[in-house]
Amino acid sequence: MISTEELTRRLASNIRRYRKVKKITQVVLAAKADTDERYIQSIEAGDRVPGVIIAYRIAQALEISVDTLFEESE
């Protein structure tokens, strides 16, 4: 079983990576996901873990599936 810490690390890393691939700022991602920029910052920093609805909105904003947010980085 994967630890909570590892899932949080993967989530933070993948959101940051896919956001940069899309060439959008945290402000734009927050607007597309209908959340606050500071919340996106804290998720990317690994300080917070989004709920299911926000994770879904972030994935939709990044045009990826929710499970992609938790994949192991290469």
N, C-alpha and C. Protein backbone atom coordinates (compact mmCIF):
# COMPACT_ATOMS: atom_id res chain seq x y z
N MET A 1 0.84 -1.18 0.00
CA MET A 1 0.00 0.00 0.00
C MET A 1 0.88 1.24 0.00
N ILE A 2 0.46 2.23 -0.76
CA ILE A 2 1.22 3.48 -0.87
C ILE A 2 0.87 4.37 0.32
N SER A 3 1.87 5.00 0.89
CA SER A 3 1.66 5.86 2.05
C SER A 3 0.96 7.16 1.65
N THR A 4 0.33 7.77 2.62
CA THR A 4 -0.32 9.06 2.43
C THR A 4 0.69 10.10 1.98
N GLU A 5 1.87 10.05 2.57
CA GLU A 5 2.91 11.01 2.22
C GLU A 5 3.33 10.86 0.75
N GLU A 6 3.43 9.63 0.28
CA GLU A 6 3.82 9.38 -1.11
C GLU A 6 2.71 9.84 -2.06
N LEU A 7 1.48 9.58 -1.73
CA LEU A 7 0.37 10.04 -2.57
C LEU A 7 0.33 11.56 -2.64
N THR A 8 0.56 12.21 -1.51
CA THR A 8 0.58 13.67 -1.46
C THR A 8 1.72 14.21 -2.31
N ARG A 9 2.89 13.56 -2.25
CA ARG A 9 4.04 13.98 -3.05
C ARG A 9 3.74 13.84 -4.54
N ARG A 10 3.16 12.70 -4.91
CA ARG A 10 2.82 12.47 -6.32
C ARG A 10 1.81 13.49 -6.82
N LEU A 11 0.79 13.73 -6.03
CA LEU A 11 -0.24 14.68 -6.40
C LEU A 11 0.37 16.07 -6.63
N ALA A 12 1.16 16.53 -5.68
CA ALA A 12 1.78 17.85 -5.80
C ALA A 12 2.68 17.94 -7.03
N SER A 13 3.50 16.93 -7.20
CA SER A 13 4.42 16.90 -8.33
C SER A 13 3.70 16.87 -9.67
N ASN A 14 2.67 16.04 -9.77
CA ASN A 14 1.95 15.91 -11.03
C ASN A 14 1.14 17.15 -11.38
N ILE A 15 0.52 17.76 -10.40
CA ILE A 15 -0.22 19.01 -10.69
C ILE A 15 0.75 20.06 -11.20
N ARG A 16 1.87 20.22 -10.52
CA ARG A 16 2.88 21.20 -10.95
C ARG A 16 3.38 20.89 -12.36
N ARG A 17 3.70 19.61 -12.61
CA ARG A 17 4.24 19.21 -13.91
C ARG A 17 3.25 19.45 -15.03
N TYR A 18 2.03 18.97 -14.87
CA TYR A 18 1.03 19.13 -15.94
C TYR A 18 0.63 20.60 -16.12
N ARG A 19 0.64 21.36 -15.05
CA ARG A 19 0.36 22.80 -15.17
C ARG A 19 1.44 23.47 -16.01
N LYS A 20 2.69 23.11 -15.77
CA LYS A 20 3.79 23.69 -16.54
C LYS A 20 3.77 23.22 -17.99
N VAL A 21 3.40 21.97 -18.22
CA VAL A 21 3.26 21.46 -19.59
C VAL A 21 2.21 22.28 -20.35
N LYS A 22 1.12 22.60 -19.66
CA LYS A 22 0.05 23.40 -20.27
C LYS A 22 0.41 24.88 -20.34
N LYS A 23 1.51 25.24 -19.68
CA LYS A 23 1.99 26.63 -19.66
C LYS A 23 0.93 27.58 -19.09
N ILE A 24 0.37 27.16 -17.95
CA ILE A 24 -0.57 28.03 -17.26
C ILE A 24 -0.07 28.30 -15.84
N THR A 25 -0.45 29.42 -15.33
CA THR A 25 -0.04 29.81 -13.97
C THR A 25 -0.96 29.18 -12.94
N GLN A 26 -0.56 29.29 -11.69
CA GLN A 26 -1.41 28.82 -10.60
C GLN A 26 -2.71 29.61 -10.56
N VAL A 27 -2.64 30.88 -10.93
CA VAL A 27 -3.84 31.73 -10.95
C VAL A 27 -4.83 31.21 -11.99
N VAL A 28 -4.33 30.88 -13.17
CA VAL A 28 -5.20 30.37 -14.24
C VAL A 28 -5.77 29.01 -13.86
N LEU A 29 -4.92 28.13 -13.31
CA LEU A 29 -5.41 26.82 -12.89
C LEU A 29 -6.49 26.97 -11.82
N ALA A 30 -6.26 27.84 -10.87
CA ALA A 30 -7.25 28.06 -9.81
C ALA A 30 -8.58 28.54 -10.40
N ALA A 31 -8.52 29.45 -11.35
CA ALA A 31 -9.74 29.96 -11.98
C ALA A 31 -10.47 28.84 -12.73
N LYS A 32 -9.71 28.04 -13.48
CA LYS A 32 -10.31 26.94 -14.24
C LYS A 32 -10.91 25.87 -13.33
N ALA A 33 -10.30 25.68 -12.17
CA ALA A 33 -10.77 24.67 -11.21
C ALA A 33 -11.76 25.24 -10.20
N ASP A 34 -12.07 26.52 -10.37
CA ASP A 34 -13.02 27.21 -9.48
C ASP A 34 -12.60 27.11 -8.02
N THR A 35 -11.34 27.44 -7.79
CA THR A 35 -10.82 27.44 -6.42
C THR A 35 -9.87 28.63 -6.27
N ASP A 36 -9.21 28.71 -5.16
CA ASP A 36 -8.34 29.84 -4.84
C ASP A 36 -6.88 29.55 -5.20
N GLU A 37 -6.19 30.57 -5.67
CA GLU A 37 -4.77 30.43 -6.03
C GLU A 37 -3.93 29.93 -4.84
N ARG A 38 -4.21 30.42 -3.66
CA ARG A 38 -3.45 29.99 -2.47
C ARG A 38 -3.66 28.51 -2.18
N TYR A 39 -4.85 28.02 -2.50
CA TYR A 39 -5.13 26.59 -2.31
C TYR A 39 -4.29 25.77 -3.28
N ILE A 40 -4.20 26.20 -4.53
CA ILE A 40 -3.36 25.53 -5.52
C ILE A 40 -1.91 25.57 -5.07
N GLN A 41 -1.46 26.71 -4.58
CA GLN A 41 -0.07 26.82 -4.09
C GLN A 41 0.18 25.82 -2.97
N SER A 42 -0.74 25.72 -2.03
CA SER A 42 -0.52 24.82 -0.90
C SER A 42 -0.59 23.35 -1.31
N ILE A 43 -1.40 23.04 -2.33
CA ILE A 43 -1.44 21.66 -2.84
C ILE A 43 -0.11 21.33 -3.51
N GLU A 44 0.37 22.24 -4.37
CA GLU A 44 1.64 22.01 -5.07
C GLU A 44 2.82 21.93 -4.10
N ALA A 45 2.72 22.61 -2.99
CA ALA A 45 3.78 22.57 -1.98
C ALA A 45 3.70 21.30 -1.13
N GLY A 46 2.60 20.57 -1.27
CA GLY A 46 2.43 19.35 -0.48
C GLY A 46 1.91 19.62 0.92
N ASP A 47 1.44 20.84 1.15
CA ASP A 47 0.93 21.20 2.47
C ASP A 47 -0.53 20.82 2.67
N ARG A 48 -1.27 20.70 1.56
CA ARG A 48 -2.69 20.35 1.63
C ARG A 48 -3.00 19.30 0.59
N VAL A 49 -4.05 18.56 0.85
CA VAL A 49 -4.54 17.54 -0.08
C VAL A 49 -5.97 17.92 -0.43
N PRO A 50 -6.26 18.06 -1.73
CA PRO A 50 -7.62 18.46 -2.11
C PRO A 50 -8.62 17.34 -1.90
N GLY A 51 -9.86 17.74 -1.71
CA GLY A 51 -10.94 16.77 -1.67
C GLY A 51 -11.20 16.24 -3.07
N VAL A 52 -12.09 15.29 -3.15
CA VAL A 52 -12.38 14.62 -4.41
C VAL A 52 -12.89 15.60 -5.47
N ILE A 53 -13.77 16.49 -5.11
CA ILE A 53 -14.35 17.43 -6.07
C ILE A 53 -13.28 18.36 -6.64
N ILE A 54 -12.44 18.90 -5.77
CA ILE A 54 -11.38 19.81 -6.25
C ILE A 54 -10.36 19.04 -7.08
N ALA A 55 -10.01 17.83 -6.68
CA ALA A 55 -9.09 17.00 -7.48
C ALA A 55 -9.67 16.78 -8.87
N TYR A 56 -10.96 16.51 -8.94
CA TYR A 56 -11.63 16.31 -10.22
C TYR A 56 -11.57 17.59 -11.05
N ARG A 57 -11.86 18.73 -10.43
CA ARG A 57 -11.82 20.01 -11.16
C ARG A 57 -10.41 20.33 -11.65
N ILE A 58 -9.41 20.05 -10.83
CA ILE A 58 -8.02 20.29 -11.25
C ILE A 58 -7.68 19.40 -12.44
N ALA A 59 -8.05 18.14 -12.36
CA ALA A 59 -7.78 17.21 -13.47
C ALA A 59 -8.47 17.70 -14.74
N GLN A 60 -9.72 18.12 -14.62
CA GLN A 60 -10.45 18.63 -15.79
C GLN A 60 -9.76 19.87 -16.36
N ALA A 61 -9.32 20.76 -15.49
CA ALA A 61 -8.64 21.98 -15.93
C ALA A 61 -7.33 21.67 -16.65
N LEU A 62 -6.67 20.60 -16.22
CA LEU A 62 -5.41 20.19 -16.84
C LEU A 62 -5.62 19.23 -18.01
N GLU A 63 -6.89 18.86 -18.24
CA GLU A 63 -7.26 17.95 -19.33
C GLU A 63 -6.58 16.58 -19.19
N ILE A 64 -6.62 16.08 -17.95
CA ILE A 64 -6.09 14.76 -17.64
C ILE A 64 -7.11 14.04 -16.76
N SER A 65 -6.91 12.74 -16.57
CA SER A 65 -7.80 12.00 -15.68
C SER A 65 -7.34 12.15 -14.23
N VAL A 66 -8.26 11.95 -13.32
CA VAL A 66 -7.92 12.06 -11.90
C VAL A 66 -6.83 11.07 -11.53
N ASP A 67 -6.89 9.84 -12.05
CA ASP A 67 -5.87 8.85 -11.68
C ASP A 67 -4.48 9.28 -12.15
N THR A 68 -4.40 10.09 -13.20
CA THR A 68 -3.10 10.59 -13.65
C THR A 68 -2.45 11.47 -12.59
N LEU A 69 -3.27 12.13 -11.79
CA LEU A 69 -2.73 12.99 -10.72
C LEU A 69 -1.93 12.19 -9.70
N PHE A 70 -2.22 10.88 -9.60
CA PHE A 70 -1.58 10.06 -8.58
C PHE A 70 -0.54 9.08 -9.13
N GLU A 71 -0.27 9.18 -10.44
CA GLU A 71 0.72 8.29 -11.04
C GLU A 71 2.12 8.63 -10.55
N GLU A 72 2.96 7.61 -10.52
CA GLU A 72 4.35 7.81 -10.14
C GLU A 72 5.06 8.56 -11.27
N SER A 73 5.81 9.59 -10.90
CA SER A 73 6.56 10.35 -11.90
C SER A 73 7.70 9.53 -12.46
N GLU A 74 8.01 9.79 -13.70
CA GLU A 74 9.09 9.03 -14.36
C GLU A 74 10.45 9.53 -13.95
